Amino acid sequence: MAPLFVSIFGPDGSGKSTQARTLANYFLSRGFKVRIVWIKSYHTFAYVLSEIIAGLSSRSVTLNPQRSIIKINLVSNGSINRLVWAWIEFVSVLPLVIFHVYLPLSMGWIVIAERYLVDSIASIAYTLSDPDFGSSLISKALLCLFPKNSVLVHLDSNYAEIKKRRGAMTDPEDFLQFQRGMYDKLSKRLKAVKINTAQQNVEETAKIIRGLLPQEVKFD
């Protein structure tokens, strides 16, 4: 079987983790080796730098309800060069892509990413306060790192439904809406299949995703 990489992307609360686990269990029950990966810009060297910046001044970053950094204000306002920061993000994510995606694929594992480079681009764009970042050279270079013949799934849901699911842990509305706009643009460019999980339940969504898989791994 050719290497199989499935990228599930979309805003937090759209159902990515649930669908990644459901799909992994589908493969595991059929004897395949599966790895779920979670790659995002803030799980990199850039994240370490952002933590250092946050330590210098709490006002230098914006946090979500989980106390995770979602924006570096010094980058957004231009105090730190935006282009330099974007390149730091790009270089930082490369080792994760190599060791968590390409290496397992070369060893015959099916890799399911519940966050990958589309999510990284959306996060970087928000920090840069640049909705056009998705068309930049750096963004295009990141998208070139998708393995050949990847299965791309865009999960979406409106803010009201996400807030219903996540409650007090819901990300700020402006952050979610910015991300949803970025995901829409990138999803269309990548020709990903978009599923509105506010209109489809978990099993219906899982069935749609299974329908996108190569024939050699389908059993129903």
Protein backbone atom coordinates (compact mmCIF):
# COMPACT_ATOMS: atom_id res chain seq x y z
CA MET A 1 0.00 0.00 0.00
CA ALA A 2 1.23 3.50 -0.83
CA PRO A 3 1.92 5.76 2.19
CA LEU A 4 -1.32 7.23 3.50
CA PHE A 5 -1.49 10.64 5.18
CA VAL A 6 -4.78 12.12 6.36
CA SER A 7 -4.86 15.76 7.40
CA ILE A 8 -7.91 16.92 9.38
CA PHE A 9 -7.94 20.67 9.91
CA GLY A 10 -10.32 23.35 11.13
CA PRO A 11 -11.04 25.50 14.19
CA ASP A 12 -10.85 24.05 17.69
CA GLY A 13 -14.24 22.63 18.56
CA SER A 14 -15.07 21.50 15.03
CA GLY A 15 -14.47 17.83 15.89
CA LYS A 16 -10.90 17.18 14.71
CA SER A 17 -9.78 15.13 17.71
CA THR A 18 -12.93 13.03 17.72
CA GLN A 19 -12.66 12.24 14.03
CA ALA A 20 -8.92 11.53 14.23
CA ARG A 21 -9.52 8.97 17.01
CA THR A 22 -12.49 7.46 15.19
CA LEU A 23 -10.49 7.05 11.98
CA ALA A 24 -7.49 5.65 13.87
CA ASN A 25 -9.70 3.03 15.53
CA TYR A 26 -11.13 2.14 12.11
CA PHE A 27 -7.63 1.41 10.80
CA LEU A 28 -6.41 -0.32 13.97
CA SER A 29 -9.36 -2.70 13.98
CA ARG A 30 -8.29 -3.77 10.52
CA GLY A 31 -4.66 -4.42 11.38
CA PHE A 32 -3.00 -1.26 10.13
CA LYS A 33 -0.28 0.60 12.01
CA VAL A 34 -1.55 4.08 12.79
CA ARG A 35 -0.07 7.20 14.31
CA ILE A 36 -2.00 10.35 15.25
CA VAL A 37 0.15 13.50 15.12
CA TRP A 38 -0.52 17.03 16.31
CA ILE A 39 1.60 19.65 14.56
CA LYS A 40 1.07 23.37 15.01
CA SER A 41 3.35 26.39 14.95
CA TYR A 42 3.27 26.82 18.73
CA HIS A 43 4.71 23.33 19.26
CA THR A 44 8.06 24.40 17.88
CA PHE A 45 11.13 26.51 18.62
CA ALA A 46 8.92 29.48 17.79
CA TYR A 47 6.72 28.45 20.72
CA VAL A 48 9.73 28.52 23.05
CA LEU A 49 10.48 32.05 21.87
CA SER A 50 6.86 33.08 22.40
CA GLU A 51 7.03 31.77 25.97
CA ILE A 52 10.17 33.79 26.58
CA ILE A 53 8.44 36.89 25.20
CA ALA A 54 5.43 36.21 27.43
CA GLY A 55 7.75 35.91 30.44
CA LEU A 56 9.15 39.35 29.78
CA SER A 57 5.70 40.94 29.79
CA SER A 58 2.22 39.44 29.99
CA ARG A 59 0.99 42.27 27.77
CA SER A 60 3.25 41.12 24.95
CA VAL A 61 0.98 38.14 24.15
CA THR A 62 -2.70 37.24 23.91
CA LEU A 63 -3.90 34.07 25.64
CA ASN A 64 -6.94 31.87 25.10
CA PRO A 65 -9.03 30.44 27.99
CA GLN A 66 -6.60 27.48 28.25
CA ARG A 67 -3.81 30.03 28.87
CA SER A 68 -2.14 29.13 25.61
CA ILE A 69 -0.60 31.87 23.49
CA ILE A 70 -2.68 32.63 20.39
CA LYS A 71 -1.07 35.92 19.39
CA ILE A 72 2.27 37.61 19.97
CA ASN A 73 1.33 41.25 20.23
CA LEU A 74 4.89 42.45 19.63
CA VAL A 75 4.76 40.76 16.23
CA SER A 76 1.27 41.99 15.42
CA ASN A 77 2.15 45.62 16.14
CA GLY A 78 5.44 45.45 14.27
CA SER A 79 7.78 45.71 17.27
CA ILE A 80 9.20 42.37 16.11
CA ASN A 81 9.66 42.13 12.34
CA ARG A 82 6.74 40.14 10.91
CA LEU A 83 8.71 38.58 8.05
CA VAL A 84 11.50 37.46 10.39
CA TRP A 85 8.94 35.87 12.69
CA ALA A 86 7.22 34.09 9.80
CA TRP A 87 10.55 32.56 8.73
CA ILE A 88 11.25 31.49 12.32
CA GLU A 89 7.89 29.70 12.30
CA PHE A 90 8.70 28.03 8.97
CA VAL A 91 12.13 26.77 10.02
CA SER A 92 10.79 25.65 13.42
CA VAL A 93 8.11 23.39 11.98
CA LEU A 94 10.38 21.52 9.56
CA PRO A 95 11.83 19.00 12.08
CA LEU A 96 8.33 18.10 13.26
CA VAL A 97 7.18 17.45 9.71
CA ILE A 98 10.19 15.23 9.02
CA PHE A 99 10.14 13.18 12.23
CA HIS A 100 6.41 13.01 12.92
CA VAL A 101 5.06 12.65 9.38
CA TYR A 102 7.59 11.61 6.75
CA LEU A 103 9.56 9.19 8.93
CA PRO A 104 6.49 7.20 10.09
CA LEU A 105 5.14 7.17 6.52
CA SER A 106 8.45 5.73 5.28
CA MET A 107 8.09 2.97 7.91
CA GLY A 108 4.66 1.95 6.66
CA TRP A 109 2.49 3.72 9.22
CA ILE A 110 -0.78 5.44 8.35
CA VAL A 111 -0.42 8.99 9.71
CA ILE A 112 -3.44 11.02 10.77
CA ALA A 113 -2.80 14.69 11.58
CA GLU A 114 -5.50 16.37 13.60
CA ARG A 115 -3.50 19.56 13.19
CA TYR A 116 -0.95 20.16 10.47
CA LEU A 117 0.45 22.93 8.31
CA VAL A 118 -2.89 24.50 7.37
CA ASP A 119 -3.45 25.07 11.09
CA SER A 120 0.06 26.50 11.38
CA ILE A 121 -0.60 28.96 8.57
CA ALA A 122 -3.86 30.09 10.18
CA SER A 123 -2.09 30.65 13.52
CA ILE A 124 0.82 32.52 11.96
CA ALA A 125 -1.56 34.71 9.96
CA TYR A 126 -3.41 35.68 13.14
CA THR A 127 -0.18 36.61 14.93
CA LEU A 128 0.88 38.67 11.90
CA SER A 129 -2.62 40.23 11.68
CA ASP A 130 -2.38 39.39 7.99
CA PRO A 131 -5.39 37.67 6.36
CA ASP A 132 -3.40 37.51 3.10
CA PHE A 133 -0.56 35.49 4.63
CA GLY A 134 -2.03 32.36 3.06
CA SER A 135 -0.89 33.66 -0.34
CA SER A 136 2.66 34.43 0.78
CA LEU A 137 5.81 32.61 -0.31
CA ILE A 138 6.25 31.12 3.16
CA SER A 139 2.70 29.81 3.18
CA LYS A 140 3.12 28.26 -0.26
CA ALA A 141 6.38 26.64 0.88
CA LEU A 142 4.59 25.14 3.90
CA LEU A 143 1.81 23.74 1.73
CA CYS A 144 4.43 22.04 -0.44
CA LEU A 145 5.30 19.90 2.58
CA PHE A 146 2.08 17.90 2.32
CA PRO A 147 2.89 14.31 1.35
CA LYS A 148 1.84 13.24 -2.13
CA ASN A 149 -1.78 12.10 -2.50
CA SER A 150 -2.78 13.28 0.98
CA VAL A 151 -6.40 12.97 2.07
CA LEU A 152 -7.43 16.49 3.15
CA VAL A 153 -10.47 17.04 5.36
CA HIS A 154 -11.69 20.48 6.41
CA LEU A 155 -14.02 20.37 9.42
CA ASP A 156 -15.97 23.53 10.16
CA SER A 157 -18.65 24.69 12.56
CA ASN A 158 -20.21 28.03 13.42
CA TYR A 159 -19.21 29.95 16.54
CA ALA A 160 -22.47 29.29 18.38
CA GLU A 161 -22.10 25.52 17.97
CA ILE A 162 -18.43 25.58 18.99
CA LYS A 163 -19.29 27.61 22.09
CA LYS A 164 -22.01 25.08 22.92
CA ARG A 165 -19.46 22.26 22.70
CA ARG A 166 -16.54 23.90 24.47
CA GLY A 167 -18.24 26.28 26.91
CA ALA A 168 -15.79 28.39 28.89
CA MET A 169 -12.88 26.87 26.95
CA THR A 170 -14.04 28.44 23.68
CA ASP A 171 -11.44 30.58 21.91
CA PRO A 172 -12.22 34.30 21.47
CA GLU A 173 -14.77 34.89 18.73
CA ASP A 174 -12.53 37.18 16.66
CA PHE A 175 -9.79 34.52 16.72
CA LEU A 176 -12.18 31.75 15.64
CA GLN A 177 -13.75 33.82 12.88
CA PHE A 178 -10.32 34.86 11.57
CA GLN A 179 -9.23 31.24 11.54
CA ARG A 180 -12.41 30.08 9.82
CA GLY A 181 -11.77 32.59 7.05
CA MET A 182 -8.20 31.35 6.64
CA TYR A 183 -9.31 27.71 6.62
CA ASP A 184 -11.89 28.44 3.93
CA LYS A 185 -9.31 30.08 1.66
CA LEU A 186 -6.73 27.33 2.13
CA SER A 187 -9.30 24.55 1.87
CA LYS A 188 -10.42 25.79 -1.54
CA ARG A 189 -6.82 26.11 -2.73
CA LEU A 190 -6.00 22.57 -1.61
CA LYS A 191 -9.32 21.20 -2.89
CA ALA A 192 -10.01 19.67 0.51
CA VAL A 193 -13.41 18.22 1.33
CA LYS A 194 -15.25 20.55 3.71
CA ILE A 195 -17.69 19.08 6.25
CA ASN A 196 -19.93 21.26 8.39
CA THR A 197 -20.05 19.37 11.69
CA ALA A 198 -22.84 21.61 12.95
CA GLN A 199 -25.04 19.85 10.39
CA GLN A 200 -23.49 16.35 10.47
CA ASN A 201 -23.24 14.17 13.57
CA VAL A 202 -20.07 12.28 14.52
CA GLU A 203 -20.93 9.05 12.67
CA GLU A 204 -22.14 10.88 9.54
CA THR A 205 -18.91 12.87 9.46
CA ALA A 206 -16.83 9.73 9.99
CA LYS A 207 -18.62 8.00 7.12
CA ILE A 208 -17.88 10.92 4.78
CA ILE A 209 -14.20 10.80 5.75
CA ARG A 210 -13.99 7.03 5.20
CA GLY A 211 -15.48 7.58 1.76
CA LEU A 212 -12.45 9.71 0.85
CA LEU A 213 -9.94 6.96 1.60
CA PRO A 214 -8.09 4.98 -1.08
CA GLN A 215 -9.87 1.77 -2.06
CA GLU A 216 -7.14 -0.48 -0.63
CA VAL A 217 -7.95 0.60 2.95
CA LYS A 218 -11.75 0.58 2.68
CA PHE A 219 -13.69 -2.27 4.23
CA ASP A 220 -17.24 -0.91 4.30
